[in-house]
Amino acid sequence: MTTCMEDILEAGDEATVCYCNQVNKKELVSLIRQGNTDLGALKRLIGADGNRCAELSPRGRCCTPEIVRLLRHEKGMLPMA
């Protein structure tokens, strides 16, 4: 079972990245691989606006750090600490 505290790079495809819009890792990676590599544009595509993150996400914060980790990984960049 995937938990929200798990490193998103190690999490399974069905792991939720954006709890506000129920976007999972597989969906997000697919968008990145389709050429959506601008963070702002990617967040708009999935509807990640940060309005209810603390309320809906078990992480208690916005999904941006997970999106950035996946984006950097898919672009072949070292993950940020």
PDB file of N, CA and C in Angstrom:
ATOM      1  N   MET A   1       0.842  -1.192   0.000  1.00  0.00           N
ATOM      2  CA  MET A   1       0.000   0.000   0.000  1.00  0.00           C
ATOM      3  C   MET A   1       0.878   1.243   0.000  1.00  0.00           C
ATOM      4  N   THR A   2       0.552   2.209  -0.834  1.00  0.00           N
ATOM      5  CA  THR A   2       1.316   3.425  -0.949  1.00  0.00           C
ATOM      6  C   THR A   2       0.812   4.445   0.057  1.00  0.00           C
ATOM      7  N   THR A   3       1.728   5.044   0.790  1.00  0.00           N
ATOM      8  CA  THR A   3       1.339   6.073   1.744  1.00  0.00           C
ATOM      9  C   THR A   3       1.759   7.430   1.213  1.00  0.00           C
ATOM     10  N   CYS A   4       1.126   8.453   1.721  1.00  0.00           N
ATOM     11  CA  CYS A   4       1.430   9.799   1.237  1.00  0.00           C
ATOM     12  C   CYS A   4       2.808  10.275   1.668  1.00  0.00           C
ATOM     13  N   MET A   5       3.392   9.644   2.679  1.00  0.00           N
ATOM     14  CA  MET A   5       4.700  10.074   3.152  1.00  0.00           C
ATOM     15  C   MET A   5       5.836   9.408   2.374  1.00  0.00           C
ATOM     16  N   GLU A   6       5.497   8.470   1.529  1.00  0.00           N
ATOM     17  CA  GLU A   6       6.482   7.765   0.721  1.00  0.00           C
ATOM     18  C   GLU A   6       7.069   8.717  -0.326  1.00  0.00           C
ATOM     19  N   ASP A   7       8.346   8.524  -0.630  1.00  0.00           N
ATOM     20  CA  ASP A   7       8.982   9.312  -1.676  1.00  0.00           C
ATOM     21  C   ASP A   7       8.232   9.057  -2.979  1.00  0.00           C
ATOM     22  N   ILE A   8       7.794  10.102  -3.622  1.00  0.00           N
ATOM     23  CA  ILE A   8       6.981   9.965  -4.830  1.00  0.00           C
ATOM     24  C   ILE A   8       7.738   9.236  -5.935  1.00  0.00           C
ATOM     25  N   LEU A   9       9.062   9.331  -5.954  1.00  0.00           N
ATOM     26  CA  LEU A   9       9.835   8.627  -6.976  1.00  0.00           C
ATOM     27  C   LEU A   9       9.803   7.124  -6.758  1.00  0.00           C
ATOM     28  N   GLU A  10       9.620   6.692  -5.525  1.00  0.00           N
ATOM     29  CA  GLU A  10       9.564   5.278  -5.189  1.00  0.00           C
ATOM     30  C   GLU A  10       8.130   4.748  -5.138  1.00  0.00           C
ATOM     31  N   ALA A  11       7.164   5.635  -5.123  1.00  0.00           N
ATOM     32  CA  ALA A  11       5.757   5.252  -5.007  1.00  0.00           C
ATOM     33  C   ALA A  11       5.260   4.582  -6.285  1.00  0.00           C
ATOM     34  N   GLY A  12       4.215   3.795  -6.155  1.00  0.00           N
ATOM     35  CA  GLY A  12       3.605   3.138  -7.300  1.00  0.00           C
ATOM     36  C   GLY A  12       2.867   4.125  -8.194  1.00  0.00           C
ATOM     37  N   ASP A  13       2.520   3.671  -9.384  1.00  0.00           N
ATOM     38  CA  ASP A  13       1.835   4.520 -10.369  1.00  0.00           C
ATOM     39  C   ASP A  13       0.517   5.092  -9.875  1.00  0.00           C
ATOM     40  N   GLU A  14      -0.163   4.382  -8.996  1.00  0.00           N
ATOM     41  CA  GLU A  14      -1.469   4.833  -8.531  1.00  0.00           C
ATOM     42  C   GLU A  14      -1.386   5.778  -7.333  1.00  0.00           C
ATOM     43  N   ALA A  15      -0.182   6.087  -6.875  1.00  0.00           N
ATOM     44  CA  ALA A  15      -0.015   6.996  -5.742  1.00  0.00           C
ATOM     45  C   ALA A  15      -0.573   8.370  -6.095  1.00  0.00           C
ATOM     46  N   THR A  16      -1.341   8.932  -5.206  1.00  0.00           N
ATOM     47  CA  THR A  16      -1.917  10.251  -5.437  1.00  0.00           C
ATOM     48  C   THR A  16      -0.836  11.314  -5.276  1.00  0.00           C
ATOM     49  N   VAL A  17      -0.760  12.188  -6.259  1.00  0.00           N
ATOM     50  CA  VAL A  17       0.155  13.325  -6.198  1.00  0.00           C
ATOM     51  C   VAL A  17      -0.638  14.552  -5.774  1.00  0.00           C
ATOM     52  N   CYS A  18      -1.718  14.841  -6.468  1.00  0.00           N
ATOM     53  CA  CYS A  18      -2.571  16.001  -6.171  1.00  0.00           C
ATOM     54  C   CYS A  18      -3.877  15.504  -5.559  1.00  0.00           C
ATOM     55  N   TYR A  19      -4.028  15.726  -4.273  1.00  0.00           N
ATOM     56  CA  TYR A  19      -5.234  15.277  -3.574  1.00  0.00           C
ATOM     57  C   TYR A  19      -6.434  16.160  -3.893  1.00  0.00           C
ATOM     58  N   CYS A  20      -6.211  17.405  -4.238  1.00  0.00           N
ATOM     59  CA  CYS A  20      -7.327  18.304  -4.561  1.00  0.00           C
ATOM     60  C   CYS A  20      -8.087  17.823  -5.797  1.00  0.00           C
ATOM     61  N   ASN A  21      -7.350  17.266  -6.756  1.00  0.00           N
ATOM     62  CA  ASN A  21      -7.956  16.854  -8.017  1.00  0.00           C
ATOM     63  C   ASN A  21      -7.773  15.373  -8.313  1.00  0.00           C
ATOM     64  N   GLN A  22      -7.306  14.625  -7.320  1.00  0.00           N
ATOM     65  CA  GLN A  22      -7.137  13.174  -7.445  1.00  0.00           C
ATOM     66  C   GLN A  22      -6.327  12.784  -8.675  1.00  0.00           C
ATOM     67  N   VAL A  23      -5.183  13.435  -8.843  1.00  0.00           N
ATOM     68  CA  VAL A  23      -4.272  13.129  -9.945  1.00  0.00           C
ATOM     69  C   VAL A  23      -3.196  12.196  -9.400  1.00  0.00           C
ATOM     70  N   ASN A  24      -3.018  11.063 -10.062  1.00  0.00           N
ATOM     71  CA  ASN A  24      -2.018  10.114  -9.573  1.00  0.00           C
ATOM     72  C   ASN A  24      -0.695  10.263 -10.333  1.00  0.00           C
ATOM     73  N   LYS A  25       0.284   9.551  -9.845  1.00  0.00           N
ATOM     74  CA  LYS A  25       1.634   9.617 -10.418  1.00  0.00           C
ATOM     75  C   LYS A  25       1.637   9.234 -11.897  1.00  0.00           C
ATOM     76  N   LYS A  26       0.927   8.187 -12.253  1.00  0.00           N
ATOM     77  CA  LYS A  26       0.896   7.727 -13.645  1.00  0.00           C
ATOM     78  C   LYS A  26       0.373   8.822 -14.574  1.00  0.00           C
ATOM     79  N   GLU A  27      -0.696   9.496 -14.171  1.00  0.00           N
ATOM     80  CA  GLU A  27      -1.279  10.564 -14.986  1.00  0.00           C
ATOM     81  C   GLU A  27      -0.298  11.721 -15.135  1.00  0.00           C
ATOM     82  N   LEU A  28       0.351  12.087 -14.040  1.00  0.00           N
ATOM     83  CA  LEU A  28       1.285  13.208 -14.075  1.00  0.00           C
ATOM     84  C   LEU A  28       2.499  12.881 -14.941  1.00  0.00           C
ATOM     85  N   VAL A  29       3.063  11.701 -14.768  1.00  0.00           N
ATOM     86  CA  VAL A  29       4.215  11.298 -15.581  1.00  0.00           C
ATOM     87  C   VAL A  29       3.844  11.268 -17.068  1.00  0.00           C
ATOM     88  N   SER A  30       2.647  10.818 -17.369  1.00  0.00           N
ATOM     89  CA  SER A  30       2.187  10.792 -18.757  1.00  0.00           C
ATOM     90  C   SER A  30       2.162  12.203 -19.352  1.00  0.00           C
ATOM     91  N   LEU A  31       1.660  13.165 -18.596  1.00  0.00           N
ATOM     92  CA  LEU A  31       1.632  14.553 -19.070  1.00  0.00           C
ATOM     93  C   LEU A  31       3.041  15.084 -19.305  1.00  0.00           C
ATOM     94  N   ILE A  32       3.960  14.764 -18.396  1.00  0.00           N
ATOM     95  CA  ILE A  32       5.346  15.212 -18.543  1.00  0.00           C
ATOM     96  C   ILE A  32       5.955  14.599 -19.797  1.00  0.00           C
ATOM     97  N   ARG A  33       5.723  13.319 -20.000  1.00  0.00           N
ATOM     98  CA  ARG A  33       6.293  12.625 -21.163  1.00  0.00           C
ATOM     99  C   ARG A  33       5.686  13.097 -22.481  1.00  0.00           C
ATOM    100  N   GLN A  34       4.518  13.735 -22.417  1.00  0.00           N
ATOM    101  CA  GLN A  34       3.899  14.315 -23.610  1.00  0.00           C
ATOM    102  C   GLN A  34       4.483  15.679 -23.939  1.00  0.00           C
ATOM    103  N   GLY A  35       5.426  16.139 -23.127  1.00  0.00           N
ATOM    104  CA  GLY A  35       6.098  17.403 -23.412  1.00  0.00           C
ATOM    105  C   GLY A  35       5.707  18.550 -22.510  1.00  0.00           C
ATOM    106  N   ASN A  36       4.874  18.291 -21.528  1.00  0.00           N
ATOM    107  CA  ASN A  36       4.465  19.337 -20.593  1.00  0.00           C
ATOM    108  C   ASN A  36       5.502  19.436 -19.481  1.00  0.00           C
ATOM    109  N   THR A  37       6.541  20.242 -19.721  1.00  0.00           N
ATOM    110  CA  THR A  37       7.652  20.300 -18.780  1.00  0.00           C
ATOM    111  C   THR A  37       7.787  21.639 -18.068  1.00  0.00           C
ATOM    112  N   ASP A  38       6.866  22.534 -18.281  1.00  0.00           N
ATOM    113  CA  ASP A  38       6.851  23.802 -17.563  1.00  0.00           C
ATOM    114  C   ASP A  38       6.030  23.607 -16.294  1.00  0.00           C
ATOM    115  N   LEU A  39       6.603  23.888 -15.133  1.00  0.00           N
ATOM    116  CA  LEU A  39       5.926  23.640 -13.868  1.00  0.00           C
ATOM    117  C   LEU A  39       4.578  24.351 -13.780  1.00  0.00           C
ATOM    118  N   GLY A  40       4.543  25.610 -14.133  1.00  0.00           N
ATOM    119  CA  GLY A  40       3.289  26.368 -14.060  1.00  0.00           C
ATOM    120  C   GLY A  40       2.215  25.801 -14.973  1.00  0.00           C
ATOM    121  N   ALA A  41       2.607  25.481 -16.195  1.00  0.00           N
ATOM    122  CA  ALA A  41       1.649  24.912 -17.152  1.00  0.00           C
ATOM    123  C   ALA A  41       1.170  23.544 -16.692  1.00  0.00           C
ATOM    124  N   LEU A  42       2.091  22.750 -16.162  1.00  0.00           N
ATOM    125  CA  LEU A  42       1.745  21.418 -15.674  1.00  0.00           C
ATOM    126  C   LEU A  42       0.748  21.511 -14.518  1.00  0.00           C
ATOM    127  N   LYS A  43       0.979  22.432 -13.604  1.00  0.00           N
ATOM    128  CA  LYS A  43       0.050  22.616 -12.481  1.00  0.00           C
ATOM    129  C   LYS A  43      -1.321  23.075 -12.969  1.00  0.00           C
ATOM    130  N   ARG A  44      -1.354  23.923 -13.979  1.00  0.00           N
ATOM    131  CA  ARG A  44      -2.645  24.353 -14.538  1.00  0.00           C
ATOM    132  C   ARG A  44      -3.370  23.182 -15.196  1.00  0.00           C
ATOM    133  N   LEU A  45      -2.626  22.329 -15.892  1.00  0.00           N
ATOM    134  CA  LEU A  45      -3.235  21.169 -16.556  1.00  0.00           C
ATOM    135  C   LEU A  45      -3.924  20.231 -15.572  1.00  0.00           C
ATOM    136  N   ILE A  46      -3.312  20.030 -14.412  1.00  0.00           N
ATOM    137  CA  ILE A  46      -3.916  19.114 -13.446  1.00  0.00           C
ATOM    138  C   ILE A  46      -4.805  19.835 -12.447  1.00  0.00           C
ATOM    139  N   GLY A  47      -4.833  21.171 -12.518  1.00  0.00           N
ATOM    140  CA  GLY A  47      -5.696  21.942 -11.626  1.00  0.00           C
ATOM    141  C   GLY A  47      -5.119  22.148 -10.246  1.00  0.00           C
ATOM    142  N   ALA A  48      -3.817  22.021 -10.108  1.00  0.00           N
ATOM    143  CA  ALA A  48      -3.167  22.196  -8.805  1.00  0.00           C
ATOM    144  C   ALA A  48      -3.054  23.685  -8.511  1.00  0.00           C
ATOM    145  N   ASP A  49      -3.983  24.186  -7.711  1.00  0.00           N
ATOM    146  CA  ASP A  49      -3.987  25.611  -7.431  1.00  0.00           C
ATOM    147  C   ASP A  49      -3.643  25.958  -5.985  1.00  0.00           C
ATOM    148  N   GLY A  50      -3.502  24.964  -5.142  1.00  0.00           N
ATOM    149  CA  GLY A  50      -3.079  25.206  -3.771  1.00  0.00           C
ATOM    150  C   GLY A  50      -4.129  25.755  -2.835  1.00  0.00           C
ATOM    151  N   ASN A  51      -5.369  25.822  -3.273  1.00  0.00           N
ATOM    152  CA  ASN A  51      -6.395  26.422  -2.425  1.00  0.00           C
ATOM    153  C   ASN A  51      -6.829  25.551  -1.252  1.00  0.00           C
ATOM    154  N   ARG A  52      -6.838  24.236  -1.423  1.00  0.00           N
ATOM    155  CA  ARG A  52      -7.341  23.360  -0.360  1.00  0.00           C
ATOM    156  C   ARG A  52      -6.342  22.272   0.035  1.00  0.00           C
ATOM    157  N   CYS A  53      -5.081  22.488  -0.297  1.00  0.00           N
ATOM    158  CA  CYS A  53      -4.064  21.459  -0.058  1.00  0.00           C
ATOM    159  C   CYS A  53      -3.963  21.032   1.400  1.00  0.00           C
ATOM    160  N   ALA A  54      -3.838  21.992   2.291  1.00  0.00           N
ATOM    161  CA  ALA A  54      -3.660  21.650   3.707  1.00  0.00           C
ATOM    162  C   ALA A  54      -4.856  20.884   4.245  1.00  0.00           C
ATOM    163  N   GLU A  55      -6.002  21.167   3.693  1.00  0.00           N
ATOM    164  CA  GLU A  55      -7.235  20.501   4.122  1.00  0.00           C
ATOM    165  C   GLU A  55      -7.365  19.093   3.541  1.00  0.00           C
ATOM    166  N   LEU A  56      -7.057  18.914   2.270  1.00  0.00           N
ATOM    167  CA  LEU A  56      -7.289  17.641   1.583  1.00  0.00           C
ATOM    168  C   LEU A  56      -6.106  16.688   1.581  1.00  0.00           C
ATOM    169  N   SER A  57      -4.903  17.218   1.559  1.00  0.00           N
ATOM    170  CA  SER A  57      -3.730  16.362   1.446  1.00  0.00           C
ATOM    171  C   SER A  57      -3.283  15.861   2.816  1.00  0.00           C
ATOM    172  N   PRO A  58      -3.050  14.562   2.936  1.00  0.00           N
ATOM    173  CA  PRO A  58      -2.488  14.040   4.183  1.00  0.00           C
ATOM    174  C   PRO A  58      -1.097  14.617   4.463  1.00  0.00           C
ATOM    175  N   ARG A  59      -0.450  15.153   3.422  1.00  0.00           N
ATOM    176  CA  ARG A  59       0.856  15.784   3.607  1.00  0.00           C
ATOM    177  C   ARG A  59       0.713  17.139   4.292  1.00  0.00           C
ATOM    178  N   GLY A  60      -0.482  17.722   4.219  1.00  0.00           N
ATOM    179  CA  GLY A  60      -0.723  19.020   4.839  1.00  0.00           C
ATOM    180  C   GLY A  60      -0.114  20.174   4.083  1.00  0.00           C
ATOM    181  N   ARG A  61       0.203  19.951   2.810  1.00  0.00           N
ATOM    182  CA  ARG A  61       0.814  20.992   1.992  1.00  0.00           C
ATOM    183  C   ARG A  61       0.485  20.757   0.522  1.00  0.00           C
ATOM    184  N   CYS A  62       0.875  21.693  -0.267  1.00  0.00           N
ATOM    185  CA  CYS A  62       0.666  21.623  -1.709  1.00  0.00           C
ATOM    186  C   CYS A  62       1.463  20.476  -2.324  1.00  0.00           C
ATOM    187  N   CYS A  63       1.029  20.007  -3.463  1.00  0.00           N
ATOM    188  CA  CYS A  63       1.689  18.908  -4.170  1.00  0.00           C
ATOM    189  C   CYS A  63       2.895  19.364  -4.985  1.00  0.00           C
ATOM    190  N   THR A  64       3.191  20.646  -4.988  1.00  0.00           N
ATOM    191  CA  THR A  64       4.283  21.161  -5.812  1.00  0.00           C
ATOM    192  C   THR A  64       5.610  20.435  -5.608  1.00  0.00           C
ATOM    193  N   PRO A  65       6.031  20.131  -4.374  1.00  0.00           N
ATOM    194  CA  PRO A  65       7.307  19.412  -4.233  1.00  0.00           C
ATOM    195  C   PRO A  65       7.314  18.053  -4.942  1.00  0.00           C
ATOM    196  N   GLU A  66       6.190  17.350  -4.915  1.00  0.00           N
ATOM    197  CA  GLU A  66       6.119  16.055  -5.596  1.00  0.00           C
ATOM    198  C   GLU A  66       6.147  16.247  -7.111  1.00  0.00           C
ATOM    199  N   ILE A  67       5.457  17.262  -7.598  1.00  0.00           N
ATOM    200  CA  ILE A  67       5.454  17.545  -9.035  1.00  0.00           C
ATOM    201  C   ILE A  67       6.877  17.883  -9.492  1.00  0.00           C
ATOM    202  N   VAL A  68       7.564  18.711  -8.725  1.00  0.00           N
ATOM    203  CA  VAL A  68       8.930  19.097  -9.070  1.00  0.00           C
ATOM    204  C   VAL A  68       9.847  17.878  -9.079  1.00  0.00           C
ATOM    205  N   ARG A  69       9.731  16.995  -8.086  1.00  0.00           N
ATOM    206  CA  ARG A  69      10.572  15.786  -8.045  1.00  0.00           C
ATOM    207  C   ARG A  69      10.334  14.917  -9.279  1.00  0.00           C
ATOM    208  N   LEU A  70       9.062  14.718  -9.644  1.00  0.00           N
ATOM    209  CA  LEU A  70       8.755  13.904 -10.826  1.00  0.00           C
ATOM    210  C   LEU A  70       9.239  14.578 -12.101  1.00  0.00           C
ATOM    211  N   LEU A  71       9.052  15.869 -12.190  1.00  0.00           N
ATOM    212  CA  LEU A  71       9.480  16.624 -13.369  1.00  0.00           C
ATOM    213  C   LEU A  71      10.999  16.541 -13.535  1.00  0.00           C
ATOM    214  N   ARG A  72      11.736  16.769 -12.468  1.00  0.00           N
ATOM    215  CA  ARG A  72      13.203  16.687 -12.526  1.00  0.00           C
ATOM    216  C   ARG A  72      13.647  15.269 -12.887  1.00  0.00           C
ATOM    217  N   HIS A  73      12.998  14.275 -12.315  1.00  0.00           N
ATOM    218  CA  HIS A  73      13.344  12.878 -12.600  1.00  0.00           C
ATOM    219  C   HIS A  73      13.116  12.555 -14.077  1.00  0.00           C
ATOM    220  N   GLU A  74      11.987  12.961 -14.605  1.00  0.00           N
ATOM    221  CA  GLU A  74      11.658  12.672 -16.002  1.00  0.00           C
ATOM    222  C   GLU A  74      12.557  13.423 -16.973  1.00  0.00           C
ATOM    223  N   LYS A  75      13.086  14.568 -16.536  1.00  0.00           N
ATOM    224  CA  LYS A  75      13.992  15.344 -17.385  1.00  0.00           C
ATOM    225  C   LYS A  75      15.440  14.905 -17.211  1.00  0.00           C
ATOM    226  N   GLY A  76      15.664  13.861 -16.359  1.00  0.00           N
ATOM    227  CA  GLY A  76      17.001  13.343 -16.174  1.00  0.00           C
ATOM    228  C   GLY A  76      17.873  14.178 -15.257  1.00  0.00           C
ATOM    229  N   MET A  77      17.224  14.979 -14.423  1.00  0.00           N
ATOM    230  CA  MET A  77      17.952  15.824 -13.492  1.00  0.00           C
ATOM    231  C   MET A  77      18.003  15.130 -12.132  1.00  0.00           C
ATOM    232  N   LEU A  78      19.021  15.441 -11.360  1.00  0.00           N
ATOM    233  CA  LEU A  78      19.095  14.878 -10.014  1.00  0.00           C
ATOM    234  C   LEU A  78      17.943  15.411  -9.178  1.00  0.00           C
ATOM    235  N   PRO A  79      17.373  14.543  -8.337  1.00  0.00           N
ATOM    236  CA  PRO A  79      16.287  15.020  -7.471  1.00  0.00           C
ATOM    237  C   PRO A  79      16.801  16.027  -6.465  1.00  0.00           C
ATOM    238  N   MET A  80      15.935  16.945  -6.097  1.00  0.00           N
ATOM    239  CA  MET A  80      16.289  17.907  -5.059  1.00  0.00           C
ATOM    240  C   MET A  80      16.146  17.210  -3.715  1.00  0.00           C
ATOM    241  N   ALA A  81      16.964  17.601  -2.770  1.00  0.00           N
ATOM    242  CA  ALA A  81      16.922  17.004  -1.430  1.00  0.00           C
ATOM    243  C   ALA A  81      15.625  17.314  -0.729  1.00  0.00           C
TER     244      ALA A  81
END
